[in-house]
């Protein structure tokens, strides 16, 4: 079980580091994307980095912004 907006799941199940995620989500290239465009870009990004030993993750969070 995880929370943190999916960050823990991304680190567990993909060949990425926390620095990779910082760099990605603060990059100017992603700043202008719509939500739908970012979702599409993320699907491609994470699919290319998926670990073969990925595990199921259930996210739990009570923070209103995370739930939204």
N, C-alpha and C. Protein backbone atom coordinates (compact mmCIF):
# COMPACT_ATOMS: atom_id res chain seq x y z
N UNK A 1 0.85 -1.17 0.00
CA UNK A 1 0.00 0.00 0.00
C UNK A 1 0.90 1.23 0.00
N UNK A 2 0.51 2.21 -0.78
CA UNK A 2 1.29 3.44 -0.91
C UNK A 2 0.37 4.65 -1.01
N UNK A 3 0.97 5.80 -0.93
CA UNK A 3 0.28 7.04 -1.27
C UNK A 3 1.31 7.94 -1.93
N UNK A 4 1.25 9.24 -1.73
CA UNK A 4 2.21 10.16 -2.31
C UNK A 4 2.01 10.35 -3.81
N UNK A 5 0.77 10.42 -4.23
CA UNK A 5 0.44 10.72 -5.62
C UNK A 5 1.06 9.74 -6.61
N UNK A 6 1.33 8.52 -6.20
CA UNK A 6 1.87 7.51 -7.10
C UNK A 6 3.38 7.49 -7.19
N UNK A 7 4.05 8.35 -6.45
CA UNK A 7 5.51 8.41 -6.52
C UNK A 7 6.13 7.10 -6.05
N UNK A 8 5.63 6.58 -4.93
CA UNK A 8 6.18 5.32 -4.42
C UNK A 8 5.96 4.18 -5.41
N UNK A 9 4.79 4.13 -6.01
CA UNK A 9 4.51 3.09 -7.00
C UNK A 9 5.43 3.24 -8.22
N UNK A 10 5.65 4.46 -8.64
CA UNK A 10 6.56 4.69 -9.78
C UNK A 10 7.97 4.20 -9.45
N UNK A 11 8.44 4.50 -8.25
CA UNK A 11 9.79 4.08 -7.86
C UNK A 11 9.89 2.56 -7.70
N UNK A 12 8.85 1.94 -7.18
CA UNK A 12 8.86 0.48 -6.99
C UNK A 12 8.79 -0.28 -8.31
N UNK A 13 8.02 0.22 -9.25
CA UNK A 13 7.67 -0.57 -10.43
C UNK A 13 8.30 -0.12 -11.74
N UNK A 14 9.16 0.87 -11.68
CA UNK A 14 9.78 1.37 -12.90
C UNK A 14 11.26 1.65 -12.67
N UNK A 15 12.00 1.60 -13.72
CA UNK A 15 13.43 1.92 -13.64
C UNK A 15 13.60 3.43 -13.68
N UNK A 16 13.25 4.08 -12.56
CA UNK A 16 13.39 5.52 -12.40
C UNK A 16 13.87 5.80 -10.98
N UNK A 17 14.49 6.95 -10.83
CA UNK A 17 14.91 7.42 -9.51
C UNK A 17 14.06 8.61 -9.13
N UNK A 18 14.14 8.99 -7.87
CA UNK A 18 13.42 10.19 -7.43
C UNK A 18 13.92 11.41 -8.20
N UNK A 19 15.21 11.47 -8.47
CA UNK A 19 15.75 12.58 -9.26
C UNK A 19 15.18 12.59 -10.67
N UNK A 20 15.04 11.40 -11.27
CA UNK A 20 14.41 11.32 -12.60
C UNK A 20 13.02 11.94 -12.57
N UNK A 21 12.26 11.65 -11.53
CA UNK A 21 10.89 12.19 -11.43
C UNK A 21 10.91 13.70 -11.20
N UNK A 22 11.81 14.18 -10.34
CA UNK A 22 11.95 15.62 -10.15
C UNK A 22 12.26 16.30 -11.48
N UNK A 23 13.23 15.76 -12.18
CA UNK A 23 13.64 16.35 -13.46
C UNK A 23 12.48 16.33 -14.47
N UNK A 24 11.78 15.22 -14.53
CA UNK A 24 10.68 15.10 -15.50
C UNK A 24 9.57 16.11 -15.21
N UNK A 25 9.11 16.15 -13.98
CA UNK A 25 7.92 16.96 -13.67
C UNK A 25 8.22 18.43 -13.40
N UNK A 26 9.48 18.81 -13.48
CA UNK A 26 9.82 20.24 -13.43
C UNK A 26 10.36 20.73 -14.77
N UNK A 27 10.32 19.86 -15.78
CA UNK A 27 10.88 20.22 -17.08
C UNK A 27 9.96 21.18 -17.84
N UNK A 28 10.52 22.12 -18.55
CA UNK A 28 9.73 23.04 -19.36
C UNK A 28 8.91 22.33 -20.44
N UNK A 29 9.41 21.17 -20.91
CA UNK A 29 8.72 20.43 -21.96
C UNK A 29 7.35 19.94 -21.50
N UNK A 30 7.20 19.64 -20.23
CA UNK A 30 5.91 19.16 -19.73
C UNK A 30 5.02 20.27 -19.20
N UNK A 31 5.59 21.41 -18.91
CA UNK A 31 4.85 22.49 -18.27
C UNK A 31 3.63 22.95 -19.07
N UNK A 32 3.72 22.94 -20.37
CA UNK A 32 2.63 23.44 -21.19
C UNK A 32 1.62 22.40 -21.62
N UNK A 33 1.79 21.16 -21.19
CA UNK A 33 0.88 20.11 -21.61
C UNK A 33 -0.46 20.19 -20.88
N UNK A 34 -1.51 19.81 -21.57
CA UNK A 34 -2.80 19.67 -20.90
C UNK A 34 -2.76 18.39 -20.06
N UNK A 35 -3.74 18.22 -19.22
CA UNK A 35 -3.81 17.00 -18.41
C UNK A 35 -3.84 15.77 -19.30
N UNK A 36 -4.66 15.79 -20.34
CA UNK A 36 -4.75 14.64 -21.25
C UNK A 36 -3.43 14.37 -21.95
N UNK A 37 -2.74 15.42 -22.36
CA UNK A 37 -1.44 15.26 -23.01
C UNK A 37 -0.41 14.68 -22.06
N UNK A 38 -0.43 15.14 -20.81
CA UNK A 38 0.50 14.62 -19.81
C UNK A 38 0.22 13.15 -19.52
N UNK A 39 -1.04 12.78 -19.45
CA UNK A 39 -1.39 11.37 -19.24
C UNK A 39 -0.83 10.52 -20.37
N UNK A 40 -1.01 10.96 -21.60
CA UNK A 40 -0.47 10.22 -22.75
C UNK A 40 1.05 10.13 -22.69
N UNK A 41 1.70 11.25 -22.37
CA UNK A 41 3.16 11.27 -22.29
C UNK A 41 3.64 10.35 -21.17
N UNK A 42 2.93 10.35 -20.05
CA UNK A 42 3.31 9.49 -18.92
C UNK A 42 3.13 8.01 -19.27
N UNK A 43 2.08 7.67 -19.98
CA UNK A 43 1.89 6.27 -20.38
C UNK A 43 3.10 5.77 -21.17
N UNK A 44 3.54 6.57 -22.11
CA UNK A 44 4.70 6.20 -22.92
C UNK A 44 5.97 6.12 -22.07
N UNK A 45 6.18 7.13 -21.23
CA UNK A 45 7.37 7.21 -20.38
C UNK A 45 7.46 5.99 -19.46
N UNK A 46 6.38 5.70 -18.75
CA UNK A 46 6.42 4.61 -17.78
C UNK A 46 6.42 3.24 -18.45
N UNK A 47 5.74 3.09 -19.56
CA UNK A 47 5.75 1.81 -20.28
C UNK A 47 7.16 1.44 -20.71
N UNK A 48 7.94 2.43 -21.09
CA UNK A 48 9.31 2.18 -21.53
C UNK A 48 10.24 1.83 -20.37
N UNK A 49 9.80 2.08 -19.14
CA UNK A 49 10.65 1.87 -17.97
C UNK A 49 10.10 0.84 -16.99
N UNK A 50 9.03 0.16 -17.36
CA UNK A 50 8.36 -0.80 -16.47
C UNK A 50 9.30 -1.95 -16.11
N UNK A 51 9.37 -2.26 -14.83
CA UNK A 51 10.19 -3.37 -14.35
C UNK A 51 9.47 -4.68 -14.63
N UNK A 52 10.21 -5.71 -14.94
CA UNK A 52 9.60 -7.01 -15.18
C UNK A 52 9.07 -7.63 -13.89
N UNK A 53 9.57 -7.18 -12.75
CA UNK A 53 9.11 -7.70 -11.46
C UNK A 53 8.17 -6.73 -10.74
N UNK A 54 7.44 -5.93 -11.51
CA UNK A 54 6.52 -4.94 -10.94
C UNK A 54 5.47 -5.64 -10.06
N UNK A 55 5.07 -4.94 -9.02
CA UNK A 55 4.10 -5.49 -8.07
C UNK A 55 2.83 -4.63 -8.07
N UNK A 56 1.68 -5.22 -7.74
CA UNK A 56 0.45 -4.43 -7.64
C UNK A 56 0.57 -3.41 -6.49
N UNK A 57 0.05 -2.23 -6.71
CA UNK A 57 0.10 -1.17 -5.70
C UNK A 57 -1.31 -0.62 -5.51
N UNK A 58 -1.69 -0.48 -4.25
CA UNK A 58 -2.97 0.15 -3.91
C UNK A 58 -2.63 1.46 -3.20
N UNK A 59 -3.16 2.57 -3.70
CA UNK A 59 -2.88 3.87 -3.11
C UNK A 59 -3.95 4.28 -2.13
N UNK A 60 -3.53 4.71 -0.96
CA UNK A 60 -4.45 5.22 0.07
C UNK A 60 -3.99 6.60 0.48
N UNK A 61 -4.92 7.53 0.52
CA UNK A 61 -4.58 8.90 0.94
C UNK A 61 -5.86 9.56 1.41
N UNK A 62 -5.78 10.36 2.45
CA UNK A 62 -6.96 11.06 2.93
C UNK A 62 -6.93 12.55 2.59
N UNK A 63 -5.84 13.02 1.99
CA UNK A 63 -5.72 14.44 1.65
C UNK A 63 -6.66 14.76 0.48
N UNK A 64 -7.46 15.80 0.65
CA UNK A 64 -8.43 16.20 -0.37
C UNK A 64 -7.80 16.42 -1.74
N UNK A 65 -6.64 17.09 -1.86
CA UNK A 65 -6.04 17.26 -3.19
C UNK A 65 -5.64 15.93 -3.83
N UNK A 66 -5.20 14.98 -3.03
CA UNK A 66 -4.81 13.68 -3.58
C UNK A 66 -6.03 12.91 -4.06
N UNK A 67 -7.10 12.98 -3.31
CA UNK A 67 -8.33 12.29 -3.70
C UNK A 67 -8.91 12.89 -4.97
N UNK A 68 -8.85 14.21 -5.07
CA UNK A 68 -9.40 14.89 -6.26
C UNK A 68 -8.62 14.50 -7.49
